[in-house]
Each structure stands twice: as C-alpha cells, then as structure tokens.
Amino acid sequence: MANTIHVDVVSAEESIFSGQARFVALPGEAGELGVYPRHTPLITRIKPGSVRIEMADGSEEFVFVAGGILEIQPDRVTVLSDTAVRGKDLDDEKASAARVAAEEALKNAKSDIDLARAQSELAVMAAQIAALRKFRQKK
C-alpha cells in the first residue's frame, strides 16, 4: 500500500470520510495544497472550500469543509473541520438559502463583530456553492 495514503476527514459531529487515497488536494491558507503518500509531516490551517480525494481506483470523492486544521504524516492525512459535508450530500437549495441569510446578516450588521461573523458565513457559503458546482461538473 505504499502508493496510497490514509485520509480522515472529521467534523465536529462525525467522521465524514475515512479511506485510502492516491492524492488529496485541499484549500490551504496560502493556496491549494497537494498531498501524495510519504509527504513531509505538516500541520496547517485550511480555508473554506473542497477537499478533493483521488481514490485508489481513480474515482474522486469531494468533501466541503468550512475551514479547519490539516495534519499530514507520511502515511496519513487528517482534516479536522467544524463543518464538513460530502460533495454528494451538498444541497443547492440549502446552500442558496444559507447564502441569502448570510447576505441579510451582512446588511443588518450593527457592530464589527456582527460584520466579521456575517462576512465569515458568506465566505463559507460562497465556498460551499463553488464546491457544489465543481462537484456537479465532475459528474
């Protein structure tokens, strides 16, 4: 199994994905990160976006994450995120409704804290919708 790496994507509620992969692409803080087996150990933050997991059989799995922490060991990749959703579970209507709610919160923000929270929610929604579109194009 030297040509695969174990990948775990975990949200606050549950394990979203666990399995072997040939390659993983993630939204790193400074840009897209690519991870192959035997990668140098690393711990870093990740931004909202989609984690693309290339499975051992060549198929792809997408998981949307609302930011989080990435830990890489030579034989294992672990993604910890408050919110993580499998690409196939993403819902267009829910994502759009949440974006509208976040935009509304942005308009009604009364303080810098409200504004920052609303901007953060909007960024997460935009990333979720982008992940949804990318996931649909792959089908």
C-alpha atoms as a PDB file:
ATOM      1  CA  MET A   1       0.000   0.000   0.000  1.00  0.00           C
ATOM      2  CA  ALA A   2       2.989   2.335  -0.426  1.00  0.00           C
ATOM      3  CA  ASN A   3       1.223   4.120  -3.296  1.00  0.00           C
ATOM      4  CA  THR A   4      -1.724   5.232  -1.132  1.00  0.00           C
ATOM      5  CA  ILE A   5      -2.172   7.347   1.976  1.00  0.00           C
ATOM      6  CA  HIS A   6      -4.883   7.018   4.641  1.00  0.00           C
ATOM      7  CA  VAL A   7      -7.264  10.023   4.687  1.00  0.00           C
ATOM      8  CA  ASP A   8      -9.630  11.007   7.509  1.00  0.00           C
ATOM      9  CA  VAL A   9     -11.991  13.984   7.252  1.00  0.00           C
ATOM     10  CA  VAL A  10     -13.718  14.640  10.559  1.00  0.00           C
ATOM     11  CA  SER A  11     -16.326  17.264  11.503  1.00  0.00           C
ATOM     12  CA  ALA A  12     -17.416  18.290  14.992  1.00  0.00           C
ATOM     13  CA  GLU A  13     -20.298  15.791  14.679  1.00  0.00           C
ATOM     14  CA  GLU A  14     -18.913  12.772  12.851  1.00  0.00           C
ATOM     15  CA  SER A  15     -16.339  11.111  10.631  1.00  0.00           C
ATOM     16  CA  ILE A  16     -17.193  12.271   7.093  1.00  0.00           C
ATOM     17  CA  PHE A  17     -14.624  10.258   5.167  1.00  0.00           C
ATOM     18  CA  SER A  18     -12.088   7.568   6.026  1.00  0.00           C
ATOM     19  CA  GLY A  19     -10.171   5.597   3.425  1.00  0.00           C
ATOM     20  CA  GLN A  20      -7.132   5.115   1.214  1.00  0.00           C
ATOM     21  CA  ALA A  21      -6.234   7.666  -1.460  1.00  0.00           C
ATOM     22  CA  ARG A  22      -3.577   8.256  -4.120  1.00  0.00           C
ATOM     23  CA  PHE A  23      -3.727  12.048  -3.832  1.00  0.00           C
ATOM     24  CA  VAL A  24      -5.506  14.755  -1.819  1.00  0.00           C
ATOM     25  CA  ALA A  25      -5.972  18.432  -2.798  1.00  0.00           C
ATOM     26  CA  LEU A  26      -7.041  20.967  -0.150  1.00  0.00           C
ATOM     27  CA  PRO A  27      -7.591  24.735   0.169  1.00  0.00           C
ATOM     28  CA  GLY A  28      -4.525  25.774   2.200  1.00  0.00           C
ATOM     29  CA  GLU A  29      -4.233  29.246   3.747  1.00  0.00           C
ATOM     30  CA  ALA A  30      -1.640  30.293   1.179  1.00  0.00           C
ATOM     31  CA  GLY A  31      -3.207  28.426  -1.777  1.00  0.00           C
ATOM     32  CA  GLU A  32      -4.034  24.931  -2.980  1.00  0.00           C
ATOM     33  CA  LEU A  33      -2.149  22.100  -1.243  1.00  0.00           C
ATOM     34  CA  GLY A  34      -1.489  18.735  -2.859  1.00  0.00           C
ATOM     35  CA  VAL A  35      -0.608  15.684  -0.770  1.00  0.00           C
ATOM     36  CA  TYR A  36       0.865  12.412  -2.043  1.00  0.00           C
ATOM     37  CA  PRO A  37       1.883   9.386   0.053  1.00  0.00           C
ATOM     38  CA  ARG A  38       5.124   9.918   2.043  1.00  0.00           C
ATOM     39  CA  HIS A  39       4.547  13.700   2.273  1.00  0.00           C
ATOM     40  CA  THR A  40       6.657  15.623   4.777  1.00  0.00           C
ATOM     41  CA  PRO A  41       4.862  15.996   8.143  1.00  0.00           C
ATOM     42  CA  LEU A  42       2.943  19.276   8.374  1.00  0.00           C
ATOM     43  CA  ILE A  43       0.231  20.953  10.430  1.00  0.00           C
ATOM     44  CA  THR A  44      -1.532  23.980   8.954  1.00  0.00           C
ATOM     45  CA  ARG A  45      -4.880  25.751   8.774  1.00  0.00           C
ATOM     46  CA  ILE A  46      -7.120  25.338   5.752  1.00  0.00           C
ATOM     47  CA  LYS A  47      -9.670  27.741   4.271  1.00  0.00           C
ATOM     48  CA  PRO A  48     -13.308  27.007   3.408  1.00  0.00           C
ATOM     49  CA  GLY A  49     -13.518  25.016   0.203  1.00  0.00           C
ATOM     50  CA  SER A  50     -13.461  21.498  -1.134  1.00  0.00           C
ATOM     51  CA  VAL A  51     -11.120  18.656  -0.295  1.00  0.00           C
ATOM     52  CA  ARG A  52     -10.616  16.523  -3.411  1.00  0.00           C
ATOM     53  CA  ILE A  53      -9.680  12.937  -2.650  1.00  0.00           C
ATOM     54  CA  GLU A  54      -8.404  10.804  -5.536  1.00  0.00           C
ATOM     55  CA  MET A  55      -9.238   7.240  -4.563  1.00  0.00           C
ATOM     56  CA  ALA A  56      -7.006   4.217  -5.202  1.00  0.00           C
ATOM     57  CA  ASP A  57      -9.309   3.149  -8.082  1.00  0.00           C
ATOM     58  CA  GLY A  58      -9.037   6.567  -9.776  1.00  0.00           C
ATOM     59  CA  SER A  59     -12.510   7.808  -8.764  1.00  0.00           C
ATOM     60  CA  GLU A  60     -12.845  11.082  -6.857  1.00  0.00           C
ATOM     61  CA  GLU A  61     -14.579  11.997  -3.631  1.00  0.00           C
ATOM     62  CA  PHE A  62     -15.262  15.637  -2.678  1.00  0.00           C
ATOM     63  CA  VAL A  63     -15.785  16.915   0.860  1.00  0.00           C
ATOM     64  CA  PHE A  64     -16.705  20.551   1.517  1.00  0.00           C
ATOM     65  CA  VAL A  65     -15.032  21.972   4.652  1.00  0.00           C
ATOM     66  CA  ALA A  66     -15.707  25.290   6.352  1.00  0.00           C
ATOM     67  CA  GLY A  67     -12.018  25.750   7.126  1.00  0.00           C
ATOM     68  CA  GLY A  68     -10.171  23.819   9.803  1.00  0.00           C
ATOM     69  CA  ILE A  69      -6.871  22.153  10.590  1.00  0.00           C
ATOM     70  CA  LEU A  70      -4.837  19.797   8.410  1.00  0.00           C
ATOM     71  CA  GLU A  71      -2.314  17.334   9.795  1.00  0.00           C
ATOM     72  CA  ILE A  72      -0.085  15.400   7.408  1.00  0.00           C
ATOM     73  CA  GLN A  73       2.041  12.400   8.378  1.00  0.00           C
ATOM     74  CA  PRO A  74       3.896  10.319   5.744  1.00  0.00           C
ATOM     75  CA  ASP A  75       1.173   7.619   5.850  1.00  0.00           C
ATOM     76  CA  ARG A  76      -1.877   9.653   6.960  1.00  0.00           C
ATOM     77  CA  VAL A  77      -3.786  12.881   6.231  1.00  0.00           C
ATOM     78  CA  THR A  78      -6.244  14.161   8.844  1.00  0.00           C
ATOM     79  CA  VAL A  79      -8.606  17.076   8.206  1.00  0.00           C
ATOM     80  CA  LEU A  80     -10.454  18.478  11.224  1.00  0.00           C
ATOM     81  CA  SER A  81     -13.262  20.931  10.483  1.00  0.00           C
ATOM     82  CA  ASP A  82     -16.218  22.259  12.481  1.00  0.00           C
ATOM     83  CA  THR A  83     -18.364  21.669   9.419  1.00  0.00           C
ATOM     84  CA  ALA A  84     -17.718  19.101   6.692  1.00  0.00           C
ATOM     85  CA  VAL A  85     -20.173  17.805   4.105  1.00  0.00           C
ATOM     86  CA  ARG A  86     -19.636  15.120   1.458  1.00  0.00           C
ATOM     87  CA  GLY A  87     -19.999  16.525  -2.042  1.00  0.00           C
ATOM     88  CA  LYS A  88     -22.870  14.182  -2.823  1.00  0.00           C
ATOM     89  CA  ASP A  89     -24.742  15.467   0.271  1.00  0.00           C
ATOM     90  CA  LEU A  90     -24.449  19.134  -0.687  1.00  0.00           C
ATOM     91  CA  ASP A  91     -27.813  20.641  -1.440  1.00  0.00           C
ATOM     92  CA  ASP A  92     -28.255  23.529  -3.892  1.00  0.00           C
ATOM     93  CA  GLU A  93     -31.377  24.900  -2.235  1.00  0.00           C
ATOM     94  CA  LYS A  94     -29.935  24.799   1.289  1.00  0.00           C
ATOM     95  CA  ALA A  95     -26.667  26.410   0.149  1.00  0.00           C
ATOM     96  CA  SER A  96     -28.530  29.216  -1.658  1.00  0.00           C
ATOM     97  CA  ALA A  97     -30.887  29.818   1.289  1.00  0.00           C
ATOM     98  CA  ALA A  98     -27.939  29.967   3.687  1.00  0.00           C
ATOM     99  CA  ARG A  99     -26.149  32.423   1.376  1.00  0.00           C
ATOM    100  CA  VAL A 100     -29.200  34.709   1.300  1.00  0.00           C
ATOM    101  CA  ALA A 101     -29.392  34.563   5.122  1.00  0.00           C
ATOM    102  CA  ALA A 102     -25.672  35.401   5.388  1.00  0.00           C
ATOM    103  CA  GLU A 103     -26.081  38.349   2.969  1.00  0.00           C
ATOM    104  CA  GLU A 104     -29.040  39.569   5.048  1.00  0.00           C
ATOM    105  CA  ALA A 105     -26.940  39.351   8.233  1.00  0.00           C
ATOM    106  CA  LEU A 106     -24.201  41.336   6.459  1.00  0.00           C
ATOM    107  CA  LYS A 107     -26.678  44.127   5.602  1.00  0.00           C
ATOM    108  CA  ASN A 108     -28.039  44.213   9.166  1.00  0.00           C
ATOM    109  CA  ALA A 109     -24.688  44.013  10.994  1.00  0.00           C
ATOM    110  CA  LYS A 110     -24.686  46.516  13.875  1.00  0.00           C
ATOM    111  CA  SER A 111     -21.096  46.067  15.050  1.00  0.00           C
ATOM    112  CA  ASP A 112     -17.663  45.000  13.816  1.00  0.00           C
ATOM    113  CA  ILE A 113     -18.186  41.587  15.436  1.00  0.00           C
ATOM    114  CA  ASP A 114     -21.530  41.090  13.639  1.00  0.00           C
ATOM    115  CA  LEU A 115     -19.903  42.220  10.401  1.00  0.00           C
ATOM    116  CA  ALA A 116     -16.954  39.828  10.796  1.00  0.00           C
ATOM    117  CA  ARG A 117     -19.294  36.928  11.624  1.00  0.00           C
ATOM    118  CA  ALA A 118     -21.526  37.675   8.613  1.00  0.00           C
ATOM    119  CA  GLN A 119     -18.522  38.014   6.269  1.00  0.00           C
ATOM    120  CA  SER A 120     -17.178  34.700   7.524  1.00  0.00           C
ATOM    121  CA  GLU A 121     -20.554  32.974   6.979  1.00  0.00           C
ATOM    122  CA  LEU A 122     -20.766  34.459   3.498  1.00  0.00           C
ATOM    123  CA  ALA A 123     -17.255  33.218   2.631  1.00  0.00           C
ATOM    124  CA  VAL A 124     -18.208  29.727   3.819  1.00  0.00           C
ATOM    125  CA  MET A 125     -21.411  29.767   1.744  1.00  0.00           C
ATOM    126  CA  ALA A 126     -19.578  31.018  -1.363  1.00  0.00           C
ATOM    127  CA  ALA A 127     -17.031  28.209  -0.938  1.00  0.00           C
ATOM    128  CA  GLN A 128     -19.817  25.655  -0.455  1.00  0.00           C
ATOM    129  CA  ILE A 129     -21.621  26.780  -3.608  1.00  0.00           C
ATOM    130  CA  ALA A 130     -18.336  26.729  -5.578  1.00  0.00           C
ATOM    131  CA  ALA A 131     -17.650  23.200  -4.256  1.00  0.00           C
ATOM    132  CA  LEU A 132     -21.161  22.146  -5.264  1.00  0.00           C
ATOM    133  CA  ARG A 133     -20.677  23.454  -8.810  1.00  0.00           C
ATOM    134  CA  LYS A 134     -17.264  21.788  -9.117  1.00  0.00           C
ATOM    135  CA  PHE A 135     -18.729  18.504  -7.831  1.00  0.00           C
ATOM    136  CA  ARG A 136     -21.590  18.649 -10.364  1.00  0.00           C
ATOM    137  CA  GLN A 137     -19.192  19.338 -13.279  1.00  0.00           C
ATOM    138  CA  LYS A 138     -17.218  16.192 -12.430  1.00  0.00           C
ATOM    139  CA  LYS A 139     -20.336  14.011 -12.914  1.00  0.00           C
END
